[in-house]
Amino acid sequence: MKINLANIKKAKNLLNKSECIAIPTETVYGLAGNAYSDRACKKIFKLKKRPKNNPLIVHYYDFRELKKDCNFDERFIRLYKQFCPGPLTFVLNKKKHSNISKIVTNKKNSLAVRFPKHPVTRNLLKNLKFPLAAPSANISSRVSAVTSADVKADFGKKIKYILEGGKSTIGVESTIIDLRKKSKILRLGGLDTKTIERVLRKKIPLYINPSKISAPGQFKVHYSPGIPIRLNVKKIKKEEAYLLIRKQKVNKSNYYFLSKNGNLKEAAKNLYSTLRKIKKNKYKSIAVSKIPNKGLGKTINDRLLRASKF
C-alpha cells in the first residue's frame, strides 16, 4: 500500500495536540489518541460513550517502545516474534513509573498492548513520540468500523480526522491474551487460539468474566447493530434478514452471505460490514444460521452472541 505522507503529517499534528483521530488497522478502525495524555484519553471515552471501567488497548510500533511502560517475560517474546505485528493483544504488568495515562487503565496496574500490522498506522506510530490508545472507532456496544465510511457514519464531524487505510483485512478485533500470571485468553479475536497454543506448547483456557473487566470485549452486550438477533435459526420470520455462513442458490433479497464457500476467515472479514448493511436496509431483526464453532467461527459466534443480548 502506498503511504500518503501528507496524511501522516496531518494525523501526527493533530495527535501532538491531544486530539482524537480515526486510524486504520488490520482488525478494525481505531479511535486513537496520545496514550500519555489525560486530555486525549478523556476525549476517547467521551466520543465513544464508553464505560470508564472498560480499559483501552495501547498501540506501539515495536517492543522497544514498550519497555518503558511494561514488564514482560519469555512467553511474550515468543509470541511477539511469531505474531507481531498482528492481531494479538497482550495484557501485561504496567511499570510503576510508566507515563501511560491512568484513564487508559482505569487506575489498574495492568496494560493491554498491541502492535498493529497495517502499513499506514505503522508509519504513523514510527513518527510519533508516544504510543496510541485506540479502542475500536464506533459507539460503545455497537458494531465496529471496518472502513472510513463506517467511522464517518458513527461520528460524523465529531472526529477531527479519519486517516484512510482502506477496508480492514481481518475484520474482527484482536485476540487478547493475559500474560500477567498464568496464560489465559480474555477475548477471542482475529488470531485463532490454537496457533497461540502451538507456540506456547500448552492449552490456554478462555477466561471471560463480565463482572470483572480486565480487557476490552468482555461485556455481555457488545457488537450490536441495534436490532434483535436470533441465533442458530433454521426457519426465519417474515420480513427478517437471514445471515448465512456460505452462499446458497437462492434469489432472495433478505438473504446475506458471509462467504462464498464457508471460509471462516472470509466470513469474519465480512461480519461487521454485513451487519451494518442489514441495519442500513432497515430490517427490524436478524436471523442467523448455525455457524461452525471452530477456528475463527468461535470468534464469529462470540460476537453474534454478545450482539444478540441487545
Protein backbone atom coordinates (compact mmCIF):
# COMPACT_ATOMS: atom_id res chain seq x y z
CA MET A 1 0.00 0.00 0.00
CA LYS A 2 1.31 3.44 -0.96
CA ILE A 3 1.64 5.72 2.07
CA ASN A 4 0.36 9.30 1.74
CA LEU A 5 2.91 11.23 3.79
CA ALA A 6 0.77 14.37 3.81
CA ASN A 7 -1.99 12.40 5.55
CA ILE A 8 0.51 11.01 8.08
CA LYS A 9 1.75 14.53 8.80
CA LYS A 10 -1.80 15.83 9.35
CA ALA A 11 -2.60 12.92 11.68
CA LYS A 12 0.64 13.45 13.61
CA ASN A 13 -0.02 17.17 14.08
CA LEU A 14 -3.49 16.52 15.50
CA LEU A 15 -2.29 13.77 17.83
CA ASN A 16 0.52 16.02 19.09
CA LYS A 17 -2.21 18.46 20.16
CA SER A 18 -4.02 15.71 22.15
CA GLU A 19 -6.80 15.47 19.56
CA CYS A 20 -8.51 12.17 18.64
CA ILE A 21 -8.44 10.75 15.13
CA ALA A 22 -9.54 7.50 13.50
CA ILE A 23 -6.80 5.15 12.31
CA PRO A 24 -6.91 2.03 10.14
CA THR A 25 -5.71 -1.32 11.45
CA GLU A 26 -5.85 -4.82 10.02
CA THR A 27 -8.53 -5.76 12.57
CA VAL A 28 -10.92 -2.78 12.74
CA TYR A 29 -10.56 1.02 12.65
CA GLY A 30 -9.43 2.58 15.92
CA LEU A 31 -10.26 5.84 17.69
CA ALA A 32 -6.77 7.00 18.60
CA GLY A 33 -5.19 9.48 20.96
CA ASN A 34 -1.92 10.05 22.80
CA ALA A 35 -1.77 7.32 25.47
CA TYR A 36 0.32 9.60 27.72
CA SER A 37 -2.25 12.41 27.60
CA ASP A 38 -5.16 12.50 30.07
CA ARG A 39 -6.87 15.04 27.85
CA ALA A 40 -6.73 12.82 24.75
CA CYS A 41 -7.85 9.71 26.64
CA LYS A 42 -10.81 11.53 28.19
CA LYS A 43 -11.90 12.54 24.68
CA ILE A 44 -11.81 8.91 23.54
CA PHE A 45 -14.14 7.79 26.33
CA LYS A 46 -16.47 10.74 25.74
CA LEU A 47 -16.69 10.26 21.97
CA LYS A 48 -17.33 6.53 22.24
CA LYS A 49 -19.68 6.87 25.24
CA ARG A 50 -17.50 4.14 26.71
CA PRO A 51 -17.86 2.92 30.31
CA LYS A 52 -14.89 4.12 32.39
CA ASN A 53 -14.21 0.60 33.69
CA ASN A 54 -13.55 -0.67 30.15
CA PRO A 55 -9.77 -0.26 29.64
CA LEU A 56 -8.17 0.81 26.37
CA ILE A 57 -5.62 -1.03 24.24
CA VAL A 58 -2.39 0.87 23.67
CA HIS A 59 -0.72 0.54 20.26
CA TYR A 60 3.08 0.55 19.85
CA TYR A 61 5.41 0.45 16.87
CA ASP A 62 7.60 -2.27 18.42
CA PHE A 63 8.55 -3.84 21.76
CA ARG A 64 11.49 -1.47 22.28
CA GLU A 65 8.99 1.32 22.89
CA LEU A 66 7.02 -0.96 25.21
CA LYS A 67 9.98 -1.44 27.59
CA LYS A 68 9.31 1.99 29.12
CA ASP A 69 5.81 1.01 30.18
CA CYS A 70 5.58 -2.73 30.86
CA ASN A 71 7.33 -5.77 32.23
CA PHE A 72 7.24 -8.95 30.16
CA ASP A 73 8.72 -12.45 30.12
CA GLU A 74 9.80 -15.11 27.65
CA ARG A 75 6.18 -16.00 26.77
CA PHE A 76 5.70 -12.50 25.42
CA ILE A 77 8.96 -12.69 23.44
CA ARG A 78 7.95 -15.98 21.82
CA LEU A 79 4.51 -14.74 20.84
CA TYR A 80 5.82 -11.35 19.73
CA LYS A 81 8.37 -12.96 17.39
CA GLN A 82 5.71 -15.24 15.90
CA PHE A 83 2.68 -12.95 15.56
CA CYS A 84 3.72 -9.29 15.76
CA PRO A 85 2.92 -7.00 14.22
CA GLY A 86 -0.54 -8.54 14.02
CA PRO A 87 -3.95 -9.18 15.63
CA LEU A 88 -2.75 -10.19 19.10
CA THR A 89 -3.12 -8.03 22.23
CA PHE A 90 -1.15 -8.74 25.42
CA VAL A 91 -2.24 -7.85 28.95
CA LEU A 92 0.95 -7.17 30.91
CA ASN A 93 2.03 -5.72 34.23
CA LYS A 94 2.47 -1.97 33.91
CA LYS A 95 5.64 -0.43 35.30
CA LYS A 96 5.19 1.78 38.36
CA HIS A 97 6.71 4.86 36.72
CA SER A 98 5.03 4.45 33.31
CA ASN A 99 3.71 7.63 31.69
CA ILE A 100 0.58 5.86 30.43
CA SER A 101 -2.49 7.84 31.47
CA LYS A 102 -4.36 6.28 34.39
CA ILE A 103 -7.53 6.90 32.41
CA VAL A 104 -6.38 4.21 29.93
CA THR A 105 -6.20 1.51 32.60
CA ASN A 106 -8.91 2.74 34.99
CA LYS A 107 -6.07 3.07 37.54
CA LYS A 108 -5.22 -0.64 37.28
CA ASN A 109 -1.66 -1.98 37.37
CA SER A 110 -2.08 -3.84 34.08
CA LEU A 111 -1.94 -2.63 30.48
CA ALA A 112 -3.32 -4.10 27.24
CA VAL A 113 -0.86 -3.57 24.35
CA ARG A 114 -0.77 -4.35 20.64
CA PHE A 115 1.48 -3.89 17.62
CA PRO A 116 -0.78 -3.25 14.60
CA LYS A 117 0.25 -4.54 11.19
CA HIS A 118 -1.49 -2.01 8.94
CA PRO A 119 1.27 -0.16 6.99
CA VAL A 120 -0.39 3.27 7.32
CA THR A 121 -0.69 3.08 11.10
CA ARG A 122 2.78 1.56 11.44
CA ASN A 123 4.19 4.53 9.55
CA LEU A 124 2.28 6.89 11.85
CA LEU A 125 3.45 5.14 15.04
CA LYS A 126 7.05 5.23 13.83
CA ASN A 127 6.82 9.01 13.54
CA LEU A 128 5.27 9.64 16.97
CA LYS A 129 7.00 10.11 20.32
CA PHE A 130 4.20 8.31 22.17
CA PRO A 131 2.05 5.19 21.78
CA LEU A 132 -1.61 5.42 20.83
CA ALA A 133 -4.56 4.45 22.99
CA ALA A 134 -7.04 3.19 20.42
CA PRO A 135 -10.27 1.27 21.04
CA SER A 136 -12.48 0.48 18.06
CA ALA A 137 -13.82 3.56 16.28
CA ASN A 138 -17.53 3.08 16.98
CA ILE A 139 -20.10 3.98 19.61
CA SER A 140 -19.65 1.71 22.62
CA SER A 141 -21.53 -1.64 22.46
CA ARG A 142 -22.25 -1.20 18.73
CA VAL A 143 -20.75 -2.77 15.59
CA SER A 144 -17.09 -1.98 14.99
CA ALA A 145 -15.97 0.02 11.95
CA VAL A 146 -14.02 -1.69 9.17
CA THR A 147 -13.95 1.25 6.73
CA SER A 148 -13.54 5.01 6.99
CA ALA A 149 -17.17 5.31 5.81
CA ASP A 150 -18.27 3.28 8.86
CA VAL A 151 -16.41 5.69 11.15
CA LYS A 152 -17.98 8.70 9.44
CA ALA A 153 -21.45 7.12 9.75
CA ASP A 154 -20.98 6.72 13.52
CA PHE A 155 -19.28 10.00 14.39
CA GLY A 156 -19.84 12.47 11.55
CA LYS A 157 -17.83 15.63 12.23
CA LYS A 158 -17.19 14.81 15.90
CA ILE A 159 -13.81 13.30 14.95
CA LYS A 160 -11.17 15.75 13.75
CA TYR A 161 -9.70 13.44 11.11
CA ILE A 162 -10.01 9.94 9.65
CA LEU A 163 -6.74 8.50 8.39
CA GLU A 164 -7.70 6.49 5.32
CA GLY A 165 -6.40 2.94 5.02
CA GLY A 166 -8.98 1.01 3.02
CA LYS A 167 -11.07 -1.84 4.40
CA SER A 168 -9.69 -3.78 7.37
CA THR A 169 -8.32 -7.09 6.09
CA ILE A 170 -9.20 -9.22 9.14
CA GLY A 171 -12.46 -7.50 10.09
CA VAL A 172 -12.76 -8.52 13.76
CA GLU A 173 -10.88 -7.30 16.81
CA SER A 174 -7.60 -8.74 18.08
CA THR A 175 -7.34 -11.83 20.25
CA ILE A 176 -6.38 -10.87 23.83
CA ILE A 177 -4.05 -12.97 25.97
CA ASP A 178 -3.31 -12.27 29.63
CA LEU A 179 0.36 -12.91 30.48
CA ARG A 180 0.48 -11.41 33.97
CA LYS A 181 0.43 -14.78 35.76
CA LYS A 182 -0.90 -17.96 34.19
CA SER A 183 -1.66 -17.52 30.49
CA LYS A 184 -5.34 -17.14 29.65
CA ILE A 185 -7.38 -15.86 26.73
CA LEU A 186 -9.54 -12.86 27.65
CA ARG A 187 -11.11 -12.26 24.23
CA LEU A 188 -11.46 -14.36 21.10
CA GLY A 189 -10.39 -12.48 18.02
CA GLY A 190 -8.66 -12.44 14.65
CA LEU A 191 -5.94 -14.88 15.67
CA ASP A 192 -7.02 -18.49 16.26
CA THR A 193 -6.13 -19.51 19.82
CA LYS A 194 -4.85 -22.89 18.61
CA THR A 195 -1.97 -21.15 16.83
CA ILE A 196 -1.07 -19.41 20.11
CA GLU A 197 -1.20 -22.73 21.96
CA ARG A 198 1.18 -24.28 19.44
CA VAL A 199 3.77 -21.55 20.09
CA LEU A 200 3.47 -21.76 23.89
CA ARG A 201 3.14 -25.57 23.72
CA LYS A 202 0.27 -25.70 26.18
CA LYS A 203 -3.51 -25.45 26.37
CA ILE A 204 -4.67 -21.93 27.25
CA PRO A 205 -8.05 -21.51 28.97
CA LEU A 206 -10.63 -18.96 27.90
CA TYR A 207 -11.48 -16.67 30.79
CA ILE A 208 -14.27 -14.12 30.33
CA ASN A 209 -15.86 -12.63 33.43
CA PRO A 210 -18.26 -9.72 32.72
CA SER A 211 -18.29 -8.84 36.44
CA LYS A 212 -14.51 -8.37 36.47
CA ILE A 213 -13.47 -6.44 33.38
CA SER A 214 -9.72 -6.68 32.77
CA ALA A 215 -9.69 -6.18 28.99
CA PRO A 216 -11.92 -4.85 26.18
CA GLY A 217 -14.64 -7.04 24.66
CA GLN A 218 -15.80 -8.69 27.89
CA PHE A 219 -19.17 -7.00 28.37
CA LYS A 220 -22.24 -9.21 27.87
CA VAL A 221 -23.77 -6.73 25.39
CA HIS A 222 -21.42 -5.76 22.58
CA TYR A 223 -21.01 -5.54 18.79
CA SER A 224 -24.73 -4.86 18.27
CA PRO A 225 -26.18 -3.42 15.04
CA GLY A 226 -29.02 -2.04 17.16
CA ILE A 227 -31.68 -4.59 16.18
CA PRO A 228 -32.60 -8.01 17.66
CA ILE A 229 -30.58 -11.06 16.59
CA ARG A 230 -31.70 -14.70 16.81
CA LEU A 231 -29.05 -17.44 16.67
CA ASN A 232 -28.94 -20.95 15.13
CA VAL A 233 -32.13 -20.35 13.17
CA LYS A 234 -33.48 -22.79 10.56
CA LYS A 235 -36.80 -21.07 9.87
CA ILE A 236 -36.93 -17.30 9.56
CA LYS A 237 -39.76 -14.93 10.27
CA LYS A 238 -41.45 -12.72 7.72
CA GLU A 239 -39.51 -9.53 6.88
CA GLU A 240 -36.43 -10.78 8.77
CA ALA A 241 -32.89 -10.70 7.36
CA TYR A 242 -31.20 -14.11 7.18
CA LEU A 243 -27.44 -14.32 7.77
CA LEU A 244 -25.69 -17.44 6.47
CA ILE A 245 -22.09 -18.62 6.57
CA ARG A 246 -21.95 -19.67 2.88
CA LYS A 247 -23.59 -18.57 -0.36
CA GLN A 248 -26.63 -20.54 -1.48
CA LYS A 249 -28.53 -20.81 -4.75
CA VAL A 250 -31.47 -18.67 -3.73
CA ASN A 251 -32.67 -15.41 -5.17
CA LYS A 252 -33.96 -13.70 -2.05
CA SER A 253 -33.07 -10.12 -1.16
CA ASN A 254 -33.24 -10.79 2.59
CA TYR A 255 -30.51 -13.48 2.44
CA TYR A 256 -26.99 -12.28 3.35
CA PHE A 257 -23.91 -14.46 2.92
CA LEU A 258 -20.67 -14.07 4.89
CA SER A 259 -18.59 -16.10 2.42
CA LYS A 260 -18.78 -17.87 -0.92
CA ASN A 261 -17.98 -21.37 0.32
CA GLY A 262 -17.98 -21.30 4.12
CA ASN A 263 -14.44 -19.95 4.54
CA LEU A 264 -14.31 -18.73 8.16
CA LYS A 265 -11.55 -16.18 7.51
CA GLU A 266 -13.64 -14.59 4.75
CA ALA A 267 -16.75 -14.77 6.94
CA ALA A 268 -15.04 -12.97 9.82
CA LYS A 269 -13.81 -10.25 7.47
CA ASN A 270 -17.36 -9.65 6.21
CA LEU A 271 -19.23 -9.94 9.52
CA TYR A 272 -19.39 -6.31 10.65
CA SER A 273 -19.88 -4.81 7.19
CA THR A 274 -22.77 -7.25 6.61
CA LEU A 275 -24.43 -6.40 9.94
CA ARG A 276 -24.17 -2.71 9.09
CA LYS A 277 -25.64 -3.34 5.63
CA ILE A 278 -28.61 -5.21 7.09
CA LYS A 279 -29.30 -2.36 9.52
CA LYS A 280 -28.97 0.20 6.71
CA ASN A 281 -31.53 -1.77 4.68
CA LYS A 282 -33.98 -1.23 7.57
CA TYR A 283 -34.63 -4.81 8.62
CA LYS A 284 -36.10 -4.98 12.11
CA SER A 285 -34.35 -8.21 13.12
CA ILE A 286 -31.71 -10.71 12.00
CA ALA A 287 -31.89 -14.50 11.98
CA VAL A 288 -28.52 -16.25 11.93
CA SER A 289 -27.98 -19.78 10.61
CA LYS A 290 -25.66 -22.10 12.54
CA ILE A 291 -22.01 -21.03 12.36
CA PRO A 292 -19.34 -23.77 12.76
CA ASN A 293 -17.85 -23.36 16.24
CA LYS A 294 -14.21 -23.89 15.29
CA GLY A 295 -11.28 -21.62 14.42
CA LEU A 296 -12.48 -18.11 13.59
CA GLY A 297 -16.02 -19.49 13.74
CA LYS A 298 -15.66 -19.30 17.54
CA THR A 299 -14.89 -15.58 17.23
CA ILE A 300 -17.87 -15.01 14.93
CA ASN A 301 -20.16 -16.87 17.35
CA ASP A 302 -18.78 -14.85 20.28
CA ARG A 303 -19.57 -11.58 18.50
CA LEU A 304 -23.06 -12.65 17.45
CA LEU A 305 -23.89 -13.99 20.92
CA ARG A 306 -22.98 -10.65 22.53
CA ALA A 307 -24.82 -8.74 19.80
CA SER A 308 -27.93 -10.86 20.45
CA LYS A 309 -28.08 -9.60 24.06
CA PHE A 310 -29.12 -6.15 22.79
